[in-house]
C-alpha atoms as a PDB file:
ATOM      1  CA  MET A   1      59.182 188.384 259.060  1.00  0.00           C
ATOM      2  CA  ARG A   2      60.348 188.886 255.558  1.00  0.00           C
ATOM      3  CA  ALA A   3      62.523 191.817 256.650  1.00  0.00           C
ATOM      4  CA  LEU A   4      64.122 189.631 259.370  1.00  0.00           C
ATOM      5  CA  VAL A   5      64.960 187.006 256.666  1.00  0.00           C
ATOM      6  CA  ARG A   6      66.332 189.654 254.335  1.00  0.00           C
ATOM      7  CA  THR A   7      68.477 191.163 257.112  1.00  0.00           C
ATOM      8  CA  ASN A   8      69.780 187.580 258.289  1.00  0.00           C
ATOM      9  CA  ASP A   9      70.630 186.815 254.564  1.00  0.00           C
ATOM     10  CA  ALA A  10      72.439 190.007 254.211  1.00  0.00           C
ATOM     11  CA  GLN A  11      74.425 189.387 257.395  1.00  0.00           C
ATOM     12  CA  GLN A  12      75.349 185.939 256.120  1.00  0.00           C
ATOM     13  CA  ASP A  13      76.335 187.324 252.812  1.00  0.00           C
ATOM     14  CA  GLY A  14      78.417 189.903 254.337  1.00  0.00           C
ATOM     15  CA  ILE A  15      80.149 187.425 256.699  1.00  0.00           C
ATOM     16  CA  ARG A  16      80.746 185.038 253.919  1.00  0.00           C
ATOM     17  CA  THR A  17      82.317 187.702 251.820  1.00  0.00           C
ATOM     18  CA  LEU A  18      84.656 188.814 254.802  1.00  0.00           C
ATOM     19  CA  LEU A  19      85.588 185.189 255.259  1.00  0.00           C
ATOM     20  CA  ARG A  20      86.425 184.824 251.448  1.00  0.00           C
ATOM     21  CA  ASN A  21      88.496 188.006 251.552  1.00  0.00           C
ATOM     22  CA  GLU A  22      90.476 186.585 254.569  1.00  0.00           C
ATOM     23  CA  LEU A  23      91.220 183.445 252.496  1.00  0.00           C
ATOM     24  CA  VAL A  24      92.347 185.656 249.640  1.00  0.00           C
ATOM     25  CA  ARG A  25      94.722 187.510 251.801  1.00  0.00           C
ATOM     26  CA  LEU A  26      96.039 184.259 253.436  1.00  0.00           C
ATOM     27  CA  HIS A  27      96.573 182.837 249.904  1.00  0.00           C
ATOM     28  CA  ARG A  28      98.510 186.071 248.693  1.00  0.00           C
ATOM     29  CA  ASP A  29     100.592 186.208 251.835  1.00  0.00           C
ATOM     30  CA  LEU A  30     101.382 182.503 252.280  1.00  0.00           C
ATOM     31  CA  VAL A  31     101.073 180.834 248.790  1.00  0.00           C
ATOM     32  CA  GLU A  32     102.055 183.636 246.487  1.00  0.00           C
ATOM     33  CA  ALA A  33     104.590 185.546 248.524  1.00  0.00           C
ATOM     34  CA  GLN A  34     106.006 183.100 251.041  1.00  0.00           C
ATOM     35  CA  GLY A  35     105.604 179.455 249.745  1.00  0.00           C
ATOM     36  CA  TRP A  36     105.293 177.921 253.209  1.00  0.00           C
ATOM     37  CA  CYS A  37     103.308 178.353 256.392  1.00  0.00           C
ATOM     38  CA  THR A  38     103.185 177.568 260.051  1.00  0.00           C
ATOM     39  CA  LEU A  39     100.934 175.087 261.642  1.00  0.00           C
ATOM     40  CA  GLU A  40      99.003 177.957 263.203  1.00  0.00           C
ATOM     41  CA  ASP A  41      98.614 179.489 259.623  1.00  0.00           C
ATOM     42  CA  LYS A  42      96.866 176.229 258.589  1.00  0.00           C
ATOM     43  CA  GLU A  43      94.849 175.989 261.659  1.00  0.00           C
ATOM     44  CA  TYR A  44      93.613 179.572 261.105  1.00  0.00           C
ATOM     45  CA  ALA A  45      92.987 178.924 257.496  1.00  0.00           C
ATOM     46  CA  GLU A  46      90.884 175.892 258.252  1.00  0.00           C
ATOM     47  CA  ARG A  47      88.829 177.534 260.823  1.00  0.00           C
ATOM     48  CA  THR A  48      88.249 180.369 258.282  1.00  0.00           C
ATOM     49  CA  TYR A  49      87.301 177.852 255.475  1.00  0.00           C
ATOM     50  CA  ILE A  50      84.910 175.920 257.563  1.00  0.00           C
ATOM     51  CA  ALA A  51      82.957 178.926 258.666  1.00  0.00           C
ATOM     52  CA  TYR A  52      82.813 180.312 255.059  1.00  0.00           C
ATOM     53  CA  HIS A  53      81.839 176.850 253.719  1.00  0.00           C
ATOM     54  CA  GLU A  54      79.042 176.382 256.332  1.00  0.00           C
ATOM     55  CA  LEU A  55      77.587 179.801 255.186  1.00  0.00           C
ATOM     56  CA  GLY A  56      77.430 178.486 251.708  1.00  0.00           C
ATOM     57  CA  GLY A  57      80.728 179.557 250.328  1.00  0.00           C
ATOM     58  CA  ASN A  58      82.506 177.348 247.787  1.00  0.00           C
ATOM     59  CA  GLY A  59      84.242 177.651 244.481  1.00  0.00           C
ATOM     60  CA  THR A  60      87.165 180.054 244.557  1.00  0.00           C
ATOM     61  CA  GLY A  61      87.476 179.935 248.520  1.00  0.00           C
ATOM     62  CA  THR A  62      87.826 176.138 248.188  1.00  0.00           C
ATOM     63  CA  VAL A  63      90.647 176.443 245.643  1.00  0.00           C
ATOM     64  CA  LEU A  64      92.376 178.955 247.917  1.00  0.00           C
ATOM     65  CA  TYR A  65      92.058 176.844 250.972  1.00  0.00           C
ATOM     66  CA  GLU A  66      93.288 173.741 249.229  1.00  0.00           C
ATOM     67  CA  ASP A  67      96.311 175.748 248.023  1.00  0.00           C
ATOM     68  CA  ILE A  68      97.010 176.864 251.538  1.00  0.00           C
ATOM     69  CA  MET A  69      96.570 173.341 252.883  1.00  0.00           C
ATOM     70  CA  ALA A  70      99.078 171.953 250.470  1.00  0.00           C
ATOM     71  CA  LEU A  71     101.941 174.207 251.545  1.00  0.00           C
ATOM     72  CA  PRO A  72     104.846 172.836 253.446  1.00  0.00           C
ATOM     73  CA  ILE A  73     104.849 173.699 257.143  1.00  0.00           C
ATOM     74  CA  LYS A  74     107.925 175.354 258.663  1.00  0.00           C
ATOM     75  CA  ASP A  75     108.523 176.504 262.260  1.00  0.00           C
ATOM     76  CA  ASN A  76     108.232 180.333 262.686  1.00  0.00           C
ATOM     77  CA  GLY A  77     111.226 180.343 264.962  1.00  0.00           C
END
């Protein structure tokens, strides 16, 4: 049973890390490089952040998410 719990914890940690890395990438591409985003970008960032947060992520990921959500929305076309 302990091995199963450790495996589950490791999987959650790994997924949380991947989700945080995605928030870092979005922040770099949208906030730092572009300065704006599309509605679809914000929807994707929100889904990513919700999953990250529900797995116990907070702190830096929250700041990244808030920066993304503060961007002005522009049409991609």
